[in-house]
C-alpha atoms as a PDB file:
ATOM      1  CA  UNK A   1     -40.120  43.713  19.035  1.00  0.00           C
ATOM      2  CA  UNK A   2     -41.493  44.467  15.577  1.00  0.00           C
ATOM      3  CA  UNK A   3     -45.106  43.342  15.503  1.00  0.00           C
ATOM      4  CA  UNK A   4     -48.721  43.995  14.639  1.00  0.00           C
ATOM      5  CA  UNK A   5     -51.441  42.788  16.985  1.00  0.00           C
ATOM      6  CA  UNK A   6     -55.089  42.675  15.929  1.00  0.00           C
ATOM      7  CA  UNK A   7     -58.034  42.715  18.317  1.00  0.00           C
ATOM      8  CA  UNK A   8     -61.757  43.342  18.343  1.00  0.00           C
ATOM      9  CA  UNK A   9     -63.081  40.348  16.460  1.00  0.00           C
ATOM     10  CA  UNK A  10     -66.016  38.294  17.622  1.00  0.00           C
ATOM     11  CA  UNK A  11     -69.479  36.993  16.845  1.00  0.00           C
ATOM     12  CA  UNK A  12     -72.043  39.486  15.589  1.00  0.00           C
ATOM     13  CA  UNK A  13     -75.482  39.226  14.029  1.00  0.00           C
ATOM     14  CA  UNK A  14     -76.092  40.271  10.426  1.00  0.00           C
ATOM     15  CA  UNK A  15     -76.518  44.023  10.261  1.00  0.00           C
ATOM     16  CA  UNK A  16     -74.348  44.544  13.306  1.00  0.00           C
ATOM     17  CA  UNK A  17     -71.057  46.361  13.763  1.00  0.00           C
ATOM     18  CA  UNK A  18     -67.561  45.660  15.006  1.00  0.00           C
ATOM     19  CA  UNK A  19     -64.420  47.746  15.281  1.00  0.00           C
ATOM     20  CA  UNK A  20     -61.108  46.026  14.760  1.00  0.00           C
ATOM     21  CA  UNK A  21     -57.837  47.453  16.047  1.00  0.00           C
ATOM     22  CA  UNK A  22     -54.291  46.838  14.867  1.00  0.00           C
ATOM     23  CA  UNK A  23     -51.617  47.925  17.334  1.00  0.00           C
ATOM     24  CA  UNK A  24     -48.080  48.323  16.026  1.00  0.00           C
ATOM     25  CA  UNK A  25     -44.781  48.321  17.854  1.00  0.00           C
ATOM     26  CA  UNK A  26     -41.069  48.174  17.138  1.00  0.00           C
ATOM     27  CA  UNK A  27     -40.997  50.305  13.995  1.00  0.00           C
ATOM     28  CA  UNK A  28     -41.810  53.815  12.776  1.00  0.00           C
ATOM     29  CA  UNK A  29     -45.504  53.191  12.345  1.00  0.00           C
ATOM     30  CA  UNK A  30     -46.289  56.642  10.988  1.00  0.00           C
ATOM     31  CA  UNK A  31     -44.094  56.007   7.928  1.00  0.00           C
ATOM     32  CA  UNK A  32     -46.008  53.019   6.621  1.00  0.00           C
ATOM     33  CA  UNK A  33     -49.135  52.289   4.657  1.00  0.00           C
ATOM     34  CA  UNK A  34     -51.249  49.721   6.503  1.00  0.00           C
ATOM     35  CA  UNK A  35     -53.646  47.209   5.002  1.00  0.00           C
ATOM     36  CA  UNK A  36     -56.520  45.175   6.369  1.00  0.00           C
ATOM     37  CA  UNK A  37     -56.951  41.814   4.645  1.00  0.00           C
ATOM     38  CA  UNK A  38     -59.213  38.863   5.301  1.00  0.00           C
ATOM     39  CA  UNK A  39     -59.145  35.164   4.603  1.00  0.00           C
ATOM     40  CA  UNK A  40     -61.695  32.394   4.600  1.00  0.00           C
ATOM     41  CA  UNK A  41     -60.816  28.674   4.399  1.00  0.00           C
ATOM     42  CA  UNK A  42     -59.819  27.615   0.910  1.00  0.00           C
ATOM     43  CA  UNK A  43     -59.483  31.147  -0.394  1.00  0.00           C
ATOM     44  CA  UNK A  44     -56.600  33.533  -0.826  1.00  0.00           C
ATOM     45  CA  UNK A  45     -56.315  36.545   1.424  1.00  0.00           C
ATOM     46  CA  UNK A  46     -58.414  39.444   0.127  1.00  0.00           C
ATOM     47  CA  UNK A  47     -57.380  43.062   0.423  1.00  0.00           C
ATOM     48  CA  UNK A  48     -60.201  44.794   2.282  1.00  0.00           C
ATOM     49  CA  UNK A  49     -58.913  48.306   2.919  1.00  0.00           C
ATOM     50  CA  UNK A  50     -55.710  50.292   2.905  1.00  0.00           C
ATOM     51  CA  UNK A  51     -54.633  53.591   4.410  1.00  0.00           C
ATOM     52  CA  UNK A  52     -51.583  55.703   3.627  1.00  0.00           C
ATOM     53  CA  UNK A  53     -48.987  56.625   6.227  1.00  0.00           C
ATOM     54  CA  UNK A  54     -50.592  59.967   7.062  1.00  0.00           C
ATOM     55  CA  UNK A  55     -54.135  58.705   6.759  1.00  0.00           C
ATOM     56  CA  UNK A  56     -54.765  61.105   3.930  1.00  0.00           C
ATOM     57  CA  UNK A  57     -55.874  58.466   1.464  1.00  0.00           C
ATOM     58  CA  UNK A  58     -57.862  55.286   1.797  1.00  0.00           C
ATOM     59  CA  UNK A  59     -59.057  52.571  -0.560  1.00  0.00           C
ATOM     60  CA  UNK A  60     -61.592  49.794  -0.192  1.00  0.00           C
ATOM     61  CA  UNK A  61     -62.595  46.578  -1.868  1.00  0.00           C
ATOM     62  CA  UNK A  62     -65.866  46.939  -3.756  1.00  0.00           C
ATOM     63  CA  UNK A  63     -67.429  44.369  -1.447  1.00  0.00           C
ATOM     64  CA  UNK A  64     -67.041  46.610   1.615  1.00  0.00           C
ATOM     65  CA  UNK A  65     -67.352  50.128   0.194  1.00  0.00           C
ATOM     66  CA  UNK A  66     -69.872  52.192   2.097  1.00  0.00           C
ATOM     67  CA  UNK A  67     -69.876  49.747   5.016  1.00  0.00           C
ATOM     68  CA  UNK A  68     -66.289  49.673   6.291  1.00  0.00           C
ATOM     69  CA  UNK A  69     -64.071  52.576   7.293  1.00  0.00           C
ATOM     70  CA  UNK A  70     -60.330  52.393   7.855  1.00  0.00           C
ATOM     71  CA  UNK A  71     -58.624  55.005  10.018  1.00  0.00           C
ATOM     72  CA  UNK A  72     -55.445  55.445  12.006  1.00  0.00           C
ATOM     73  CA  UNK A  73     -54.095  57.241  15.035  1.00  0.00           C
ATOM     74  CA  UNK A  74     -50.357  57.649  14.590  1.00  0.00           C
ATOM     75  CA  UNK A  75     -49.989  58.960  18.138  1.00  0.00           C
ATOM     76  CA  UNK A  76     -51.275  55.598  19.356  1.00  0.00           C
ATOM     77  CA  UNK A  77     -49.573  53.486  16.653  1.00  0.00           C
ATOM     78  CA  UNK A  78     -52.954  51.970  15.855  1.00  0.00           C
ATOM     79  CA  UNK A  79     -55.082  51.386  12.779  1.00  0.00           C
ATOM     80  CA  UNK A  80     -58.805  50.719  13.025  1.00  0.00           C
ATOM     81  CA  UNK A  81     -61.386  49.060  10.810  1.00  0.00           C
ATOM     82  CA  UNK A  82     -64.945  50.082  11.589  1.00  0.00           C
ATOM     83  CA  UNK A  83     -67.287  47.510  10.092  1.00  0.00           C
ATOM     84  CA  UNK A  84     -70.982  48.309   9.828  1.00  0.00           C
ATOM     85  CA  UNK A  85     -73.923  46.521   8.224  1.00  0.00           C
ATOM     86  CA  UNK A  86     -72.061  43.253   8.510  1.00  0.00           C
ATOM     87  CA  UNK A  87     -73.088  40.340   6.309  1.00  0.00           C
ATOM     88  CA  UNK A  88     -72.488  36.598   6.695  1.00  0.00           C
ATOM     89  CA  UNK A  89     -70.062  36.793   3.777  1.00  0.00           C
ATOM     90  CA  UNK A  90     -67.860  39.101   5.860  1.00  0.00           C
ATOM     91  CA  UNK A  91     -67.044  36.133   8.073  1.00  0.00           C
ATOM     92  CA  UNK A  92     -63.278  35.618   7.935  1.00  0.00           C
ATOM     93  CA  UNK A  93     -60.030  35.976   9.809  1.00  0.00           C
ATOM     94  CA  UNK A  94     -58.977  39.609   9.513  1.00  0.00           C
ATOM     95  CA  UNK A  95     -55.309  40.560   9.370  1.00  0.00           C
ATOM     96  CA  UNK A  96     -53.459  43.841   9.301  1.00  0.00           C
ATOM     97  CA  UNK A  97     -50.174  44.008   7.431  1.00  0.00           C
ATOM     98  CA  UNK A  98     -47.501  46.222   6.008  1.00  0.00           C
ATOM     99  CA  UNK A  99     -45.020  44.729   3.576  1.00  0.00           C
ATOM    100  CA  UNK A 100     -43.957  41.338   4.889  1.00  0.00           C
ATOM    101  CA  UNK A 101     -45.090  42.077   8.448  1.00  0.00           C
ATOM    102  CA  UNK A 102     -48.401  40.472   9.444  1.00  0.00           C
ATOM    103  CA  UNK A 103     -50.388  40.224  12.606  1.00  0.00           C
ATOM    104  CA  UNK A 104     -51.796  36.965  13.944  1.00  0.00           C
ATOM    105  CA  UNK A 105     -55.334  37.736  12.819  1.00  0.00           C
ATOM    106  CA  UNK A 106     -58.669  38.115  14.571  1.00  0.00           C
ATOM    107  CA  UNK A 107     -61.760  36.056  13.791  1.00  0.00           C
ATOM    108  CA  UNK A 108     -64.948  37.808  12.715  1.00  0.00           C
ATOM    109  CA  UNK A 109     -68.079  35.688  12.507  1.00  0.00           C
ATOM    110  CA  UNK A 110     -71.345  37.124  11.239  1.00  0.00           C
ATOM    111  CA  UNK A 111     -74.211  34.795  11.997  1.00  0.00           C
ATOM    112  CA  UNK A 112     -77.689  34.759  13.502  1.00  0.00           C
END
């Protein structure tokens, strides 16, 4: 079954950290660029970070540069998003995607 499954979301205090995981199955994961996106109610999904198929190149939204790190382990068919120094405005549902394939999302809530 071709799918992406996110995990690792939760409730964290401002300044805290979370690591999200995106596990892929059913396709040649190592051939695809993977994106992390996020969405809050009433807003369009925002591209947060992207990583190339080999992991050799990454890009970040200005809003998360210096705080988030995207990485991948092609042996485990998994992409990660390490999120540090979290802010309330990072609260959103986080999705991983490639092309038209999307995961179900994982909720991240940053609140005291």
